[in-house]
Amino acid sequence: MELNKIEDIIEKYFQGETSIAEENQLKEYFSSPNVAQHLEQYKPMFGYFSQAKEQKSTYEIPLQSKKRNVAWLSIAASAVLLLGIGTYFFVSEKNDTAVVASQTELGTYDDPEEALKATQKALALLSNNVNVGIESVQYIKEYEQSKNKIFKQ
């Protein structure tokens, strides 16, 4: 085989552009005793490919049945499902009784003074929240004034 042709094929091989026929030519060339001196470094690589191709594994892989695992998995899934359904009904029953109790107690005061105090407390809470909102609007106005000074329109 021509040395220049082999060198071109090796260059294509390392670029990943060779065909299977060209790779077979390289394997044949490097398995022959007539390898050029400067290409001797590639001989073990192509020799390894042919040697590895002939190796066979004698290790036997034991097969295990998955039937037992599937049975336990279905039992565990059933238990989790039943536990989830039971928890849902238990929690929802408690919430239902709390909602019914709170609905009957809304807005009913026997003592007018107690009702007045509760109303004043609610209005004070509302007033505080409105005041916080007004303070925020003042910050926005101050921001607008500063923006208008910087970016004159």
N, C-alpha and C. Protein backbone atom coordinates (compact mmCIF):
# COMPACT_ATOMS: atom_id res chain seq x y z
N MET A 1 0.84 -1.17 0.00
CA MET A 1 0.00 0.00 0.00
C MET A 1 0.88 1.24 0.00
N GLU A 2 0.41 2.28 -0.59
CA GLU A 2 1.20 3.51 -0.65
C GLU A 2 1.23 4.18 0.71
N LEU A 3 2.39 4.68 1.06
CA LEU A 3 2.58 5.31 2.36
C LEU A 3 1.76 6.60 2.47
N ASN A 4 1.72 7.37 1.39
CA ASN A 4 0.96 8.62 1.42
C ASN A 4 -0.53 8.36 1.62
N LYS A 5 -1.03 7.31 0.99
CA LYS A 5 -2.44 6.97 1.13
C LYS A 5 -2.75 6.58 2.58
N ILE A 6 -1.89 5.81 3.20
CA ILE A 6 -2.07 5.40 4.60
C ILE A 6 -2.04 6.61 5.51
N GLU A 7 -1.10 7.52 5.27
CA GLU A 7 -1.03 8.73 6.09
C GLU A 7 -2.29 9.57 5.96
N ASP A 8 -2.84 9.67 4.76
CA ASP A 8 -4.09 10.42 4.55
C ASP A 8 -5.25 9.74 5.28
N ILE A 9 -5.29 8.41 5.22
CA ILE A 9 -6.38 7.68 5.89
C ILE A 9 -6.26 7.84 7.41
N ILE A 10 -5.03 7.82 7.93
CA ILE A 10 -4.83 8.01 9.38
C ILE A 10 -5.30 9.40 9.79
N GLU A 11 -4.97 10.39 8.98
CA GLU A 11 -5.39 11.75 9.28
C GLU A 11 -6.93 11.85 9.28
N LYS A 12 -7.56 11.23 8.30
CA LYS A 12 -9.03 11.21 8.24
C LYS A 12 -9.61 10.44 9.42
N TYR A 13 -8.90 9.36 9.83
CA TYR A 13 -9.36 8.53 10.95
C TYR A 13 -9.43 9.36 12.23
N PHE A 14 -8.41 10.15 12.50
CA PHE A 14 -8.39 10.96 13.71
C PHE A 14 -9.35 12.15 13.63
N GLN A 15 -9.76 12.51 12.43
CA GLN A 15 -10.78 13.54 12.27
C GLN A 15 -12.18 12.95 12.35
N GLY A 16 -12.30 11.61 12.32
CA GLY A 16 -13.59 10.94 12.39
C GLY A 16 -14.31 10.92 11.06
N GLU A 17 -13.58 10.92 9.96
CA GLU A 17 -14.19 11.01 8.64
C GLU A 17 -13.94 9.78 7.77
N THR A 18 -13.48 8.68 8.36
CA THR A 18 -13.17 7.50 7.56
C THR A 18 -14.39 6.61 7.42
N SER A 19 -14.38 5.82 6.36
CA SER A 19 -15.42 4.82 6.17
C SER A 19 -14.95 3.51 6.78
N ILE A 20 -15.83 2.54 6.84
CA ILE A 20 -15.48 1.24 7.41
C ILE A 20 -14.42 0.55 6.54
N ALA A 21 -14.51 0.71 5.23
CA ALA A 21 -13.53 0.10 4.33
C ALA A 21 -12.14 0.69 4.58
N GLU A 22 -12.08 2.00 4.80
CA GLU A 22 -10.78 2.63 5.06
C GLU A 22 -10.22 2.18 6.41
N GLU A 23 -11.09 2.02 7.38
CA GLU A 23 -10.62 1.53 8.68
C GLU A 23 -10.11 0.10 8.57
N ASN A 24 -10.75 -0.72 7.76
CA ASN A 24 -10.26 -2.08 7.53
C ASN A 24 -8.90 -2.06 6.84
N GLN A 25 -8.69 -1.12 5.93
CA GLN A 25 -7.38 -0.99 5.28
C GLN A 25 -6.32 -0.66 6.31
N LEU A 26 -6.65 0.23 7.25
CA LEU A 26 -5.68 0.59 8.30
C LEU A 26 -5.37 -0.63 9.18
N LYS A 27 -6.38 -1.41 9.53
CA LYS A 27 -6.16 -2.59 10.37
C LYS A 27 -5.27 -3.60 9.64
N GLU A 28 -5.52 -3.79 8.35
CA GLU A 28 -4.69 -4.71 7.57
C GLU A 28 -3.25 -4.21 7.50
N TYR A 29 -3.10 -2.91 7.27
CA TYR A 29 -1.75 -2.35 7.14
C TYR A 29 -0.96 -2.51 8.45
N PHE A 30 -1.60 -2.20 9.57
CA PHE A 30 -0.89 -2.25 10.84
C PHE A 30 -0.73 -3.67 11.37
N SER A 31 -1.46 -4.63 10.83
CA SER A 31 -1.25 -6.02 11.23
C SER A 31 -0.16 -6.67 10.40
N SER A 32 0.23 -6.05 9.30
CA SER A 32 1.32 -6.59 8.47
C SER A 32 2.67 -6.19 9.07
N PRO A 33 3.74 -6.91 8.69
CA PRO A 33 5.06 -6.58 9.24
C PRO A 33 5.72 -5.39 8.55
N ASN A 34 5.15 -4.87 7.48
CA ASN A 34 5.75 -3.79 6.69
C ASN A 34 5.20 -2.42 7.11
N VAL A 35 5.32 -2.06 8.37
CA VAL A 35 4.82 -0.76 8.85
C VAL A 35 5.98 0.22 8.82
N ALA A 36 5.71 1.43 8.34
CA ALA A 36 6.75 2.46 8.26
C ALA A 36 7.21 2.83 9.67
N GLN A 37 8.46 3.28 9.74
CA GLN A 37 9.10 3.58 11.03
C GLN A 37 8.32 4.66 11.80
N HIS A 38 7.92 5.72 11.12
CA HIS A 38 7.26 6.82 11.82
C HIS A 38 5.79 6.52 12.14
N LEU A 39 5.25 5.40 11.64
CA LEU A 39 3.88 5.00 11.95
C LEU A 39 3.81 3.86 12.95
N GLU A 40 4.94 3.43 13.46
CA GLU A 40 4.99 2.33 14.43
C GLU A 40 4.20 2.64 15.70
N GLN A 41 4.10 3.90 16.02
CA GLN A 41 3.41 4.29 17.26
C GLN A 41 1.91 3.95 17.22
N TYR A 42 1.32 3.81 16.02
CA TYR A 42 -0.10 3.51 15.89
C TYR A 42 -0.37 2.00 15.85
N LYS A 43 0.64 1.21 15.72
CA LYS A 43 0.48 -0.23 15.58
C LYS A 43 -0.20 -0.87 16.80
N PRO A 44 0.18 -0.52 18.04
CA PRO A 44 -0.52 -1.15 19.19
C PRO A 44 -2.01 -0.80 19.25
N MET A 45 -2.36 0.41 18.80
CA MET A 45 -3.76 0.81 18.85
C MET A 45 -4.61 -0.07 17.93
N PHE A 46 -4.19 -0.24 16.71
CA PHE A 46 -4.96 -1.05 15.77
C PHE A 46 -4.84 -2.53 16.09
N GLY A 47 -3.74 -2.94 16.69
CA GLY A 47 -3.60 -4.32 17.15
C GLY A 47 -4.55 -4.61 18.29
N TYR A 48 -4.77 -3.63 19.15
CA TYR A 48 -5.69 -3.81 20.26
C TYR A 48 -7.12 -4.01 19.75
N PHE A 49 -7.51 -3.26 18.73
CA PHE A 49 -8.87 -3.38 18.19
C PHE A 49 -9.13 -4.80 17.69
N SER A 50 -8.17 -5.36 17.00
CA SER A 50 -8.39 -6.72 16.49
C SER A 50 -8.36 -7.74 17.62
N GLN A 51 -7.53 -7.51 18.62
CA GLN A 51 -7.46 -8.42 19.76
C GLN A 51 -8.75 -8.32 20.60
N ALA A 52 -9.25 -7.14 20.81
CA ALA A 52 -10.46 -6.96 21.61
C ALA A 52 -11.68 -7.54 20.90
N LYS A 53 -11.65 -7.54 19.60
CA LYS A 53 -12.77 -8.08 18.83
C LYS A 53 -12.90 -9.59 19.03
N GLU A 54 -11.78 -10.25 19.25
CA GLU A 54 -11.78 -11.71 19.40
C GLU A 54 -12.12 -12.15 20.83
N GLN A 55 -12.06 -11.25 21.80
CA GLN A 55 -12.32 -11.64 23.19
C GLN A 55 -13.81 -11.89 23.40
N LYS A 56 -14.09 -12.89 24.19
CA LYS A 56 -15.46 -13.24 24.53
C LYS A 56 -15.58 -13.28 26.05
N SER A 57 -16.67 -12.84 26.56
CA SER A 57 -16.91 -12.85 28.00
C SER A 57 -17.52 -14.20 28.38
N THR A 58 -17.00 -14.81 29.45
CA THR A 58 -17.53 -16.09 29.91
C THR A 58 -18.29 -15.92 31.22
N TYR A 59 -18.44 -14.70 31.66
CA TYR A 59 -19.14 -14.44 32.92
C TYR A 59 -20.63 -14.60 32.72
N GLU A 60 -21.26 -15.39 33.60
CA GLU A 60 -22.69 -15.61 33.50
C GLU A 60 -23.40 -14.66 34.47
N ILE A 61 -24.41 -14.00 33.98
CA ILE A 61 -25.18 -13.08 34.79
C ILE A 61 -26.39 -13.81 35.34
N PRO A 62 -26.51 -13.89 36.64
CA PRO A 62 -27.66 -14.60 37.21
C PRO A 62 -28.93 -13.75 37.04
N LEU A 63 -29.99 -14.39 36.60
CA LEU A 63 -31.27 -13.72 36.41
C LEU A 63 -32.11 -13.90 37.66
N GLN A 64 -32.73 -12.83 38.11
CA GLN A 64 -33.58 -12.89 39.29
C GLN A 64 -35.01 -12.58 38.90
N SER A 65 -35.91 -13.25 39.54
CA SER A 65 -37.32 -13.04 39.27
C SER A 65 -37.80 -11.78 39.97
N LYS A 66 -38.60 -10.99 39.30
CA LYS A 66 -39.12 -9.75 39.86
C LYS A 66 -40.53 -9.91 40.40
N LYS A 67 -41.08 -11.11 40.41
CA LYS A 67 -42.46 -11.31 40.83
C LYS A 67 -42.67 -10.98 42.29
N ARG A 68 -41.73 -11.34 43.15
CA ARG A 68 -41.88 -11.04 44.57
C ARG A 68 -41.87 -9.54 44.82
N ASN A 69 -41.02 -8.81 44.12
CA ASN A 69 -40.94 -7.37 44.30
C ASN A 69 -42.23 -6.69 43.86
N VAL A 70 -42.85 -7.17 42.80
CA VAL A 70 -44.09 -6.58 42.32
C VAL A 70 -45.21 -6.80 43.33
N ALA A 71 -45.25 -7.97 43.94
CA ALA A 71 -46.29 -8.25 44.93
C ALA A 71 -46.16 -7.32 46.13
N TRP A 72 -44.96 -7.16 46.66
CA TRP A 72 -44.75 -6.27 47.80
C TRP A 72 -45.00 -4.81 47.42
N LEU A 73 -44.68 -4.46 46.21
CA LEU A 73 -44.90 -3.09 45.77
C LEU A 73 -46.39 -2.77 45.71
N SER A 74 -47.19 -3.70 45.23
CA SER A 74 -48.63 -3.47 45.17
C SER A 74 -49.24 -3.40 46.56
N ILE A 75 -48.75 -4.21 47.49
CA ILE A 75 -49.24 -4.17 48.87
C ILE A 75 -48.90 -2.83 49.51
N ALA A 76 -47.68 -2.37 49.31
CA ALA A 76 -47.25 -1.09 49.88
C ALA A 76 -48.05 0.07 49.28
N ALA A 77 -48.30 0.02 47.98
CA ALA A 77 -49.07 1.09 47.34
C ALA A 77 -50.50 1.12 47.87
N SER A 78 -51.08 -0.03 48.10
CA SER A 78 -52.44 -0.10 48.66
C SER A 78 -52.48 0.49 50.06
N ALA A 79 -51.48 0.17 50.87
CA ALA A 79 -51.44 0.69 52.23
C ALA A 79 -51.30 2.20 52.23
N VAL A 80 -50.45 2.73 51.38
CA VAL A 80 -50.28 4.18 51.29
C VAL A 80 -51.57 4.85 50.83
N LEU A 81 -52.24 4.27 49.87
CA LEU A 81 -53.49 4.82 49.36
C LEU A 81 -54.56 4.84 50.45
N LEU A 82 -54.71 3.75 51.18
CA LEU A 82 -55.69 3.70 52.26
C LEU A 82 -55.35 4.69 53.36
N LEU A 83 -54.09 4.82 53.69
CA LEU A 83 -53.66 5.77 54.71
C LEU A 83 -53.97 7.20 54.27
N GLY A 84 -53.74 7.51 53.00
CA GLY A 84 -54.03 8.85 52.48
C GLY A 84 -55.51 9.16 52.50
N ILE A 85 -56.34 8.21 52.10
CA ILE A 85 -57.79 8.42 52.10
C ILE A 85 -58.30 8.60 53.53
N GLY A 86 -57.82 7.77 54.45
CA GLY A 86 -58.23 7.90 55.85
C GLY A 86 -57.84 9.23 56.44
N THR A 87 -56.63 9.70 56.15
CA THR A 87 -56.17 11.00 56.65
C THR A 87 -57.02 12.12 56.08
N TYR A 88 -57.37 12.03 54.81
CA TYR A 88 -58.19 13.07 54.18
C TYR A 88 -59.54 13.18 54.87
N PHE A 89 -60.21 12.06 55.09
CA PHE A 89 -61.52 12.10 55.73
C PHE A 89 -61.43 12.55 57.18
N PHE A 90 -60.38 12.16 57.88
CA PHE A 90 -60.21 12.56 59.27
C PHE A 90 -60.02 14.06 59.37
N VAL A 91 -59.16 14.63 58.54
CA VAL A 91 -58.88 16.07 58.57
C VAL A 91 -60.08 16.86 58.08
N SER A 92 -60.74 16.41 57.01
CA SER A 92 -61.88 17.14 56.48
C SER A 92 -63.05 17.15 57.48
N GLU A 93 -63.22 16.08 58.26
CA GLU A 93 -64.29 16.04 59.27
C GLU A 93 -64.02 17.06 60.36
N LYS A 94 -62.77 17.21 60.77
CA LYS A 94 -62.43 18.21 61.79
C LYS A 94 -62.67 19.61 61.25
N ASN A 95 -62.29 19.86 60.01
CA ASN A 95 -62.47 21.18 59.41
C ASN A 95 -63.96 21.51 59.26
N ASP A 96 -64.77 20.54 58.92
CA ASP A 96 -66.21 20.77 58.76
C ASP A 96 -66.84 21.22 60.07
N THR A 97 -66.47 20.57 61.16
CA THR A 97 -67.03 20.96 62.45
C THR A 97 -66.54 22.33 62.87
N ALA A 98 -65.30 22.67 62.57
CA ALA A 98 -64.77 23.99 62.91
C ALA A 98 -65.45 25.08 62.08
N VAL A 99 -65.73 24.82 60.82
CA VAL A 99 -66.39 25.80 59.95
C VAL A 99 -67.81 26.02 60.41
N VAL A 100 -68.53 24.97 60.75
CA VAL A 100 -69.91 25.10 61.22
C VAL A 100 -69.94 25.89 62.52
N ALA A 101 -69.01 25.62 63.43
CA ALA A 101 -68.97 26.32 64.71
C ALA A 101 -68.66 27.80 64.51
N SER A 102 -67.73 28.12 63.61
CA SER A 102 -67.37 29.52 63.39
C SER A 102 -68.47 30.26 62.66
N GLN A 103 -69.26 29.59 61.82
CA GLN A 103 -70.35 30.25 61.10
C GLN A 103 -71.48 30.62 62.06
N THR A 104 -71.70 29.84 63.05
CA THR A 104 -72.78 30.16 63.99
C THR A 104 -72.38 31.28 64.93
N GLU A 105 -71.09 31.52 65.13
CA GLU A 105 -70.62 32.53 66.07
C GLU A 105 -70.37 33.88 65.40
N LEU A 106 -70.45 33.99 64.10
CA LEU A 106 -70.12 35.24 63.42
C LEU A 106 -71.19 36.29 63.67
N GLY A 107 -70.75 37.48 64.12
CA GLY A 107 -71.63 38.63 64.23
C GLY A 107 -72.67 38.56 65.31
N THR A 108 -72.54 37.70 66.25
CA THR A 108 -73.54 37.63 67.33
C THR A 108 -72.86 37.92 68.66
N TYR A 109 -73.30 39.00 69.27
CA TYR A 109 -72.82 39.37 70.60
C TYR A 109 -74.03 39.62 71.48
N ASP A 110 -73.98 39.07 72.65
CA ASP A 110 -75.08 39.29 73.58
C ASP A 110 -74.93 40.63 74.29
N ASP A 111 -73.69 41.03 74.54
CA ASP A 111 -73.42 42.28 75.26
C ASP A 111 -73.09 43.38 74.25
N PRO A 112 -73.82 44.51 74.25
CA PRO A 112 -73.55 45.59 73.29
C PRO A 112 -72.17 46.21 73.47
N GLU A 113 -71.66 46.28 74.71
CA GLU A 113 -70.33 46.86 74.94
C GLU A 113 -69.24 45.97 74.31
N GLU A 114 -69.42 44.69 74.41
CA GLU A 114 -68.47 43.74 73.80
C GLU A 114 -68.50 43.88 72.27
N ALA A 115 -69.67 44.08 71.71
CA ALA A 115 -69.80 44.28 70.27
C ALA A 115 -69.13 45.58 69.85
N LEU A 116 -69.28 46.63 70.66
CA LEU A 116 -68.65 47.93 70.37
C LEU A 116 -67.13 47.79 70.38
N LYS A 117 -66.59 47.10 71.37
CA LYS A 117 -65.13 46.91 71.46
C LYS A 117 -64.61 46.12 70.26
N ALA A 118 -65.34 45.09 69.87
CA ALA A 118 -64.91 44.28 68.73
C ALA A 118 -64.96 45.11 67.44
N THR A 119 -65.98 45.96 67.32
CA THR A 119 -66.08 46.81 66.13
C THR A 119 -64.96 47.84 66.10
N GLN A 120 -64.67 48.45 67.27
CA GLN A 120 -63.58 49.43 67.34
C GLN A 120 -62.23 48.77 67.01
N LYS A 121 -62.06 47.58 67.49
CA LYS A 121 -60.81 46.84 67.21
C LYS A 121 -60.68 46.58 65.71
N ALA A 122 -61.76 46.18 65.06
CA ALA A 122 -61.73 45.90 63.62
C ALA A 122 -61.47 47.17 62.83
N LEU A 123 -62.12 48.28 63.25
CA LEU A 123 -61.92 49.56 62.55
C LEU A 123 -60.50 50.10 62.76
N ALA A 124 -59.91 49.89 63.93
CA ALA A 124 -58.54 50.32 64.19
C ALA A 124 -57.56 49.54 63.31
N LEU A 125 -57.81 48.27 63.17
CA LEU A 125 -56.97 47.44 62.31
C LEU A 125 -57.07 47.91 60.86
N LEU A 126 -58.28 48.20 60.41
CA LEU A 126 -58.49 48.70 59.06
C LEU A 126 -57.81 50.05 58.87
N SER A 127 -57.92 50.93 59.87
CA SER A 127 -57.31 52.26 59.80
C SER A 127 -55.79 52.16 59.69
N ASN A 128 -55.19 51.27 60.47
CA ASN A 128 -53.72 51.10 60.41
C ASN A 128 -53.29 50.65 59.02
N ASN A 129 -54.04 49.75 58.44
CA ASN A 129 -53.68 49.27 57.10
C ASN A 129 -53.87 50.36 56.06
N VAL A 130 -54.89 51.19 56.19
CA VAL A 130 -55.10 52.29 55.25
C VAL A 130 -53.98 53.31 55.39
N ASN A 131 -53.55 53.58 56.63
CA ASN A 131 -52.46 54.54 56.86
C ASN A 131 -51.16 54.05 56.22
N VAL A 132 -50.91 52.77 56.31
CA VAL A 132 -49.71 52.21 55.67
C VAL A 132 -49.80 52.42 54.16
N GLY A 133 -50.97 52.24 53.60
CA GLY A 133 -51.15 52.45 52.17
C GLY A 133 -50.94 53.89 51.77
N ILE A 134 -51.42 54.83 52.61
CA ILE A 134 -51.25 56.27 52.31
C ILE A 134 -49.78 56.63 52.37
N GLU A 135 -49.02 56.09 53.34
CA GLU A 135 -47.58 56.36 53.42
C GLU A 135 -46.87 55.86 52.17
N SER A 136 -47.29 54.74 51.66
CA SER A 136 -46.68 54.19 50.45
C SER A 136 -46.95 55.11 49.27
N VAL A 137 -48.14 55.68 49.20
CA VAL A 137 -48.47 56.60 48.11
C VAL A 137 -47.60 57.85 48.21
N GLN A 138 -47.29 58.31 49.42
CA GLN A 138 -46.43 59.48 49.59
C GLN A 138 -45.02 59.18 49.07
N TYR A 139 -44.53 57.97 49.30
CA TYR A 139 -43.22 57.59 48.76
C TYR A 139 -43.24 57.61 47.24
N ILE A 140 -44.34 57.17 46.67
CA ILE A 140 -44.46 57.14 45.21
C ILE A 140 -44.48 58.56 44.66
N LYS A 141 -45.17 59.48 45.35
CA LYS A 141 -45.20 60.88 44.90
C LYS A 141 -43.81 61.48 44.95
N GLU A 142 -43.06 61.18 46.02
CA GLU A 142 -41.70 61.70 46.15
C GLU A 142 -40.80 61.13 45.05
N TYR A 143 -40.99 59.89 44.73
CA TYR A 143 -40.24 59.26 43.64
C TYR A 143 -40.56 59.94 42.31
N GLU A 144 -41.84 60.22 42.08
CA GLU A 144 -42.25 60.88 40.84
C GLU A 144 -41.61 62.26 40.72
N GLN A 145 -41.57 63.01 41.82
CA GLN A 145 -40.97 64.35 41.81
C GLN A 145 -39.48 64.26 41.48
N SER A 146 -38.79 63.31 42.09
CA SER A 146 -37.35 63.13 41.83
C SER A 146 -37.13 62.71 40.37
N LYS A 147 -37.96 61.85 39.89
CA LYS A 147 -37.84 61.40 38.50
C LYS A 147 -38.07 62.56 37.53
N ASN A 148 -39.03 63.39 37.83
CA ASN A 148 -39.33 64.54 36.96
C ASN A 148 -38.19 65.57 36.97
N LYS A 149 -37.49 65.69 38.11
CA LYS A 149 -36.34 66.60 38.18
C LYS A 149 -35.19 66.08 37.33
N ILE A 150 -34.98 64.78 37.39
CA ILE A 150 -33.86 64.19 36.64
C ILE A 150 -34.18 64.11 35.16
N PHE A 151 -35.34 63.59 34.84
CA PHE A 151 -35.74 63.44 33.45
C PHE A 151 -36.78 64.51 33.12
N LYS A 152 -36.33 65.65 32.74
CA LYS A 152 -37.27 66.74 32.43
C LYS A 152 -38.00 66.41 31.14
N GLN A 153 -39.30 66.55 31.20
CA GLN A 153 -40.13 66.18 30.06
C GLN A 153 -40.61 67.41 29.33
